[in-house]
C-alpha cells in the first residue's frame, strides 16, 4: 500500500526511464477527488481504449463521455510508446469492486471470485 505520488514525481520517474511524456491540458489537477479520497494505492489498472487515433483516445480518457466523466485513467500510452498524462488523483477507471479481491491484492494472495461490488476501486487503483 502506498501513498499516491505527486504529479511532478510522476513526470520525473517516467522521464528518468527514458519515456516521452506529454502533459495534457491541466492534467496535474484534473481528477475526481471531489467524489472521495484517492489512496492508499494498492494496485494498478490497465485498460485498452478502442478509438480512432491517439488524439481521440487521449481526449476520451481526459474528458470521459456522457454518463462517466473523466479522467478515465492517469495516462494513455500510444502506439509509439509515448505517455500522455491526463489525470492525477482519483480517476473513473476502476468503479466498484469486491472487498475480498482488494484484500487479496493487498495481501498478495490468490484472488477469490469477484462476487460483490462493495468496495471503491477508484480509491485504491
Protein backbone atom coordinates (compact mmCIF):
# COMPACT_ATOMS: atom_id res chain seq x y z
CA UNK A 1 0.00 0.00 0.00
CA UNK A 2 1.42 3.34 -0.98
CA UNK A 3 0.66 7.00 -0.69
CA UNK A 4 -0.01 8.45 -4.17
CA UNK A 5 2.98 10.27 -5.67
CA UNK A 6 2.84 13.88 -6.79
CA UNK A 7 2.35 14.92 -10.40
CA UNK A 8 5.90 16.28 -10.53
CA UNK A 9 7.31 13.00 -9.22
CA UNK A 10 5.29 11.03 -11.79
CA UNK A 11 6.79 13.06 -14.65
CA UNK A 12 10.27 12.77 -13.14
CA UNK A 13 10.04 8.97 -12.82
CA UNK A 14 8.65 8.42 -16.31
CA UNK A 15 11.27 10.64 -17.96
CA UNK A 16 14.06 9.04 -15.91
CA UNK A 17 13.01 5.74 -17.51
CA UNK A 18 13.55 7.31 -20.93
CA UNK A 19 9.88 7.72 -21.82
CA UNK A 20 8.48 10.57 -23.87
CA UNK A 21 5.85 12.28 -21.71
CA UNK A 22 3.11 14.57 -22.98
CA UNK A 23 1.36 16.64 -20.31
CA UNK A 24 -2.25 17.08 -21.45
CA UNK A 25 -4.03 20.32 -20.57
CA UNK A 26 -4.37 20.72 -16.77
CA UNK A 27 -3.76 17.01 -16.02
CA UNK A 28 -1.92 17.82 -12.76
CA UNK A 29 -5.17 18.96 -11.12
CA UNK A 30 -7.64 17.02 -13.28
CA UNK A 31 -9.23 14.36 -11.05
CA UNK A 32 -12.40 13.10 -9.36
CA UNK A 33 -11.15 13.76 -5.81
CA UNK A 34 -14.42 15.55 -5.03
CA UNK A 35 -16.12 12.11 -5.14
CA UNK A 36 -13.93 10.68 -2.40
CA UNK A 37 -10.32 10.17 -1.35
CA UNK A 38 -7.56 8.73 -3.50
CA UNK A 39 -5.28 6.30 -1.75
CA UNK A 40 -3.81 4.35 -0.32
CA UNK A 41 -2.85 2.91 -3.70
CA UNK A 42 -2.93 -0.89 -3.69
CA UNK A 43 -2.59 -1.74 -7.35
CA UNK A 44 -2.65 -0.63 -10.96
CA UNK A 45 -5.47 -0.77 -13.52
CA UNK A 46 -4.54 -1.41 -17.13
CA UNK A 47 -7.19 -0.85 -19.80
CA UNK A 48 -7.39 -0.67 -23.54
CA UNK A 49 -9.31 2.05 -25.32
CA UNK A 50 -10.65 1.48 -28.79
CA UNK A 51 -10.98 4.72 -30.72
CA UNK A 52 -9.75 6.10 -33.99
CA UNK A 53 -6.27 7.53 -33.39
CA UNK A 54 -4.18 8.73 -30.48
CA UNK A 55 -5.79 12.17 -30.20
CA UNK A 56 -9.25 10.64 -29.82
CA UNK A 57 -8.01 8.13 -27.23
CA UNK A 58 -6.36 10.89 -25.21
CA UNK A 59 -9.46 13.09 -25.46
CA UNK A 60 -11.91 10.41 -24.30
CA UNK A 61 -9.63 9.42 -21.42
CA UNK A 62 -9.29 13.07 -20.38
CA UNK A 63 -12.91 14.14 -20.89
CA UNK A 64 -14.82 10.90 -20.36
CA UNK A 65 -18.21 10.57 -22.03
CA UNK A 66 -21.87 11.03 -21.17
CA UNK A 67 -22.52 9.04 -18.03
CA UNK A 68 -18.85 8.75 -16.99
CA UNK A 69 -16.82 11.95 -16.62
CA UNK A 70 -13.06 11.98 -16.97
CA UNK A 71 -10.40 11.42 -16.23
CA UNK A 72 -10.84 7.74 -17.04
CA UNK A 73 -7.21 6.98 -16.22
CA UNK A 74 -3.94 8.66 -15.33
CA UNK A 75 -2.10 8.13 -18.57
CA UNK A 76 -2.55 6.89 -22.12
CA UNK A 77 0.28 5.02 -23.81
CA UNK A 78 0.16 5.45 -27.57
CA UNK A 79 1.45 3.11 -30.29
CA UNK A 80 4.84 4.88 -30.25
CA UNK A 81 5.16 4.20 -26.52
CA UNK A 82 4.67 7.86 -25.59
CA UNK A 83 2.80 8.53 -22.35
CA UNK A 84 0.04 11.16 -22.41
CA UNK A 85 -0.76 12.16 -18.82
CA UNK A 86 -4.47 13.01 -18.49
CA UNK A 87 -5.21 12.89 -14.76
CA UNK A 88 -3.61 13.00 -11.35
CA UNK A 89 -5.63 11.77 -8.42
CA UNK A 90 -8.82 9.82 -8.31
CA UNK A 91 -9.97 8.70 -11.78
CA UNK A 92 -13.10 6.94 -13.06
CA UNK A 93 -11.30 3.77 -14.06
CA UNK A 94 -11.97 1.00 -11.54
CA UNK A 95 -15.50 1.56 -10.27
CA UNK A 96 -16.92 -0.67 -7.58
CA UNK A 97 -15.13 -3.92 -6.85
CA UNK A 98 -15.12 -6.79 -4.42
CA UNK A 99 -13.60 -6.15 -0.98
CA UNK A 100 -12.35 -9.76 -0.83
CA UNK A 101 -10.44 -9.21 -4.07
CA UNK A 102 -8.92 -5.97 -2.75
CA UNK A 103 -7.78 -7.75 0.43
CA UNK A 104 -6.18 -10.49 -1.71
CA UNK A 105 -4.36 -7.84 -3.76
CA UNK A 106 -3.12 -6.15 -0.59
CA UNK A 107 -2.02 -9.48 0.92
CA UNK A 108 -0.63 -10.76 -2.40
CA UNK A 109 -2.65 -13.95 -2.17
CA UNK A 110 -4.74 -15.88 -4.67
CA UNK A 111 -7.65 -13.85 -5.97
CA UNK A 112 -11.07 -15.09 -4.86
CA UNK A 113 -14.12 -14.94 -7.13
CA UNK A 114 -15.36 -11.41 -7.76
CA UNK A 115 -18.91 -11.80 -6.47
CA UNK A 116 -19.90 -8.45 -4.98
CA UNK A 117 -19.50 -4.74 -5.62
CA UNK A 118 -18.88 -3.34 -2.15
CA UNK A 119 -15.53 -1.56 -2.42
CA UNK A 120 -14.48 1.72 -4.07
CA UNK A 121 -11.89 0.66 -6.64
CA UNK A 122 -11.28 4.22 -7.86
CA UNK A 123 -9.75 4.99 -4.48
CA UNK A 124 -7.29 2.08 -4.42
CA UNK A 125 -6.08 1.72 -8.03
